[in-house]
Protein backbone atom coordinates (compact mmCIF):
# COMPACT_ATOMS: atom_id res chain seq x y z
CA MET A 1 48.81 -48.84 24.04
CA LEU A 2 49.70 -46.72 21.02
CA ARG A 3 47.83 -43.77 22.44
CA SER A 4 49.63 -43.87 25.84
CA ARG A 5 53.00 -44.14 24.07
CA ALA A 6 52.17 -41.09 21.93
CA ILE A 7 51.19 -39.15 25.05
CA LYS A 8 54.52 -40.07 26.73
CA ILE A 9 56.47 -38.95 23.65
CA ILE A 10 54.57 -35.65 23.49
CA CYS A 11 55.05 -35.01 27.22
CA THR A 12 58.78 -35.83 27.00
CA ALA A 13 59.26 -33.58 23.96
CA THR A 14 57.34 -30.75 25.69
CA ALA A 15 59.43 -31.13 28.85
CA LEU A 16 62.64 -31.03 26.78
CA LEU A 17 61.52 -27.91 24.95
CA VAL A 18 60.62 -26.20 28.24
CA ALA A 19 63.96 -27.22 29.77
CA ILE A 20 65.87 -25.94 26.74
CA GLY A 21 63.89 -22.70 26.90
CA LEU A 22 64.81 -22.28 30.57
CA LEU A 23 68.55 -22.92 30.10
CA PRO A 24 69.35 -19.26 29.43
CA THR A 25 67.48 -18.16 32.57
CA VAL A 26 68.71 -20.61 35.23
CA THR A 27 71.71 -19.30 37.17
CA VAL A 28 74.52 -21.83 37.57
CA ALA A 29 77.45 -19.47 38.21
CA THR A 30 78.12 -16.13 39.88
CA ARG A 31 81.00 -13.65 39.97
CA THR A 32 81.63 -10.81 42.42
CA ARG A 33 84.66 -8.50 42.42
CA LEU A 34 85.82 -6.97 45.71
CA THR A 35 88.60 -4.58 46.70
CA CYS A 36 90.32 -3.88 49.99
CA ALA A 37 89.66 -0.27 50.98
CA LEU A 38 93.16 0.03 52.44
CA CYS A 39 95.63 -1.70 50.10
CA ARG A 40 93.33 -1.91 47.05
CA ALA A 41 94.12 -5.58 46.45
CA GLU A 42 91.31 -7.19 44.47
CA ARG A 43 89.46 -10.43 45.08
CA THR A 44 87.11 -12.21 42.72
CA ASP A 45 84.58 -14.58 44.29
CA ARG A 46 83.21 -17.20 41.92
CA MET A 47 80.68 -19.96 42.28
CA PHE A 48 79.82 -22.67 39.76
CA LEU A 49 77.21 -25.31 40.52
CA GLY A 50 77.66 -24.83 44.25
CA CYS A 51 81.48 -24.91 44.25
CA ALA A 52 83.01 -21.61 45.38
CA TRP A 53 86.56 -20.27 45.01
CA GLN A 54 88.43 -16.98 45.19
CA ARG A 55 91.22 -15.38 43.19
CA TYR A 56 93.39 -12.52 44.41
CA HIS A 57 95.06 -9.81 42.35
CA ASP A 58 97.43 -7.07 43.46
CA THR A 59 97.03 -3.59 41.98
CA GLU A 60 99.58 -0.84 41.43
CA PHE A 61 98.78 0.52 44.87
CA THR A 62 99.08 -2.80 46.69
CA ASP A 63 102.87 -2.96 46.36
CA TRP A 64 103.25 0.61 47.64
CA TYR A 65 100.97 -0.16 50.59
CA ARG A 66 102.92 -3.28 51.58
CA SER A 67 106.23 -1.45 51.59
CA HIS A 68 105.04 1.70 53.42
CA ARG A 69 102.21 0.71 55.77
CA PRO A 70 101.78 -1.89 58.52
CA SER A 71 100.16 -5.23 57.74
CA HIS A 72 96.40 -5.27 58.03
CA ASP A 73 93.32 -7.42 57.84
CA HIS A 74 91.71 -6.77 54.48
CA SER A 75 88.61 -4.60 54.54
CA TRP A 76 86.80 -6.08 51.54
CA GLY A 77 84.11 -4.06 49.81
CA ARG A 78 82.21 -4.49 46.57
CA LEU A 79 84.06 -3.29 43.48
CA SER A 80 81.52 -4.36 40.86
CA CYS A 81 78.05 -5.79 40.61
CA THR A 82 77.49 -9.47 41.26
CA LYS A 83 76.70 -11.19 37.99
CA GLY A 84 74.81 -14.44 37.55
CA PHE A 85 75.36 -16.66 34.50
CA SER A 86 73.40 -19.46 32.87
CA ILE A 87 74.91 -22.71 31.59
CA LEU A 88 75.02 -21.03 28.16
CA GLY A 89 77.11 -18.15 29.55
CA THR A 90 74.38 -15.54 29.26
CA THR A 91 73.91 -13.09 32.12
CA THR A 92 70.91 -13.97 34.25
CA TYR A 93 71.08 -11.11 36.77
CA PHE A 94 73.06 -8.20 38.19
CA GLY A 95 73.13 -7.61 41.94
CA CYS A 96 74.31 -4.06 42.66
CA GLY A 97 74.49 -1.82 45.67
CA PRO A 98 76.53 1.06 47.07
CA ARG A 99 80.31 0.90 46.79
CA HIS A 100 82.93 2.33 49.11
CA PRO A 101 83.91 5.82 47.86
CA VAL A 102 87.55 4.72 47.46
CA CYS A 103 86.47 2.61 44.47
CA ALA A 104 86.19 5.87 42.49
CA ILE A 105 89.99 6.27 42.62
CA PRO A 106 92.00 4.12 40.22
CA PRO A 107 94.84 2.31 42.04
CA ALA A 108 97.46 4.03 39.85
CA THR A 109 96.10 7.46 40.85
CA LEU A 110 96.09 6.44 44.50
CA ARG A 111 99.73 5.41 44.20
CA LYS A 112 100.64 8.83 42.76
CA PHE A 113 98.87 10.47 45.67
CA ALA A 114 100.60 8.28 48.26
CA GLU A 115 104.06 8.80 46.77
CA ALA A 116 103.64 12.59 46.91
CA ALA A 117 101.81 12.89 50.24
CA GLY A 118 103.45 13.46 53.59
CA ALA A 119 103.02 11.23 56.63
CA ASP A 120 100.36 13.48 58.22
CA THR A 121 98.32 13.59 55.00
CA LEU A 122 98.47 9.81 54.68
CA THR A 123 97.35 9.38 58.28
CA VAL A 124 94.33 11.61 57.66
CA TYR A 125 93.58 9.74 54.43
CA PHE A 126 93.74 6.24 55.92
CA ASP A 127 91.78 7.29 59.03
CA GLY A 128 89.06 8.63 56.73
CA ILE A 129 89.01 5.56 54.51
CA ILE A 130 88.60 3.10 57.38
CA SER A 131 85.95 5.23 59.08
CA THR A 132 82.41 3.89 59.14
CA ASN A 133 81.19 7.44 58.48
CA LEU A 134 80.42 7.96 54.78
CA LYS A 135 81.22 11.68 55.00
CA SER A 136 84.70 10.91 56.38
CA GLN A 137 85.28 8.40 53.60
CA THR A 138 84.13 10.89 50.97
CA ARG A 139 86.39 13.63 52.40
CA ALA A 140 89.38 11.27 52.25
CA VAL A 141 88.64 10.48 48.60
CA GLN A 142 88.18 14.18 47.79
CA MET A 143 91.53 14.92 49.43
CA VAL A 144 93.17 12.51 46.97
CA TRP A 145 91.49 14.11 43.96
CA ASP A 146 92.34 17.62 45.16
CA GLN A 147 96.02 16.76 45.52
CA VAL A 148 96.27 14.74 42.29
CA LEU A 149 94.51 17.40 40.21
CA GLN A 150 96.59 20.16 41.80
CA VAL A 151 99.84 18.44 40.74
CA GLN A 152 98.72 18.10 37.12
């Protein structure tokens, strides 16, 4: 009887130590930041123990877009890596991949470009940004940098 009780105590203590050792490695929460390629609004997707929610944030460019462009369905794309967190708050993983080229332009810089650009330039820019062709997207982003750097 004493021996079986000692074995149970040892097994329980070992299981607790293993569980405590795994706490920093088990993912219980994730966070992914996204941006709309058109209006540059930002969305943060979070999940904690299976419950998911989203938060939205306007950027400096979002207000300009709303007052100068037609309404649109957001075209969400990854802004940052997806991060996984343990119950202790330590990072358990990063999930990264390619981002839309527009993410290289800070929203404040994009607003400066839009305020200075003419209607034809903006049409070319937005057509390039919403294109599924990476070269067209990259040309649209380069057009912004060329104009912004030329003004400075």
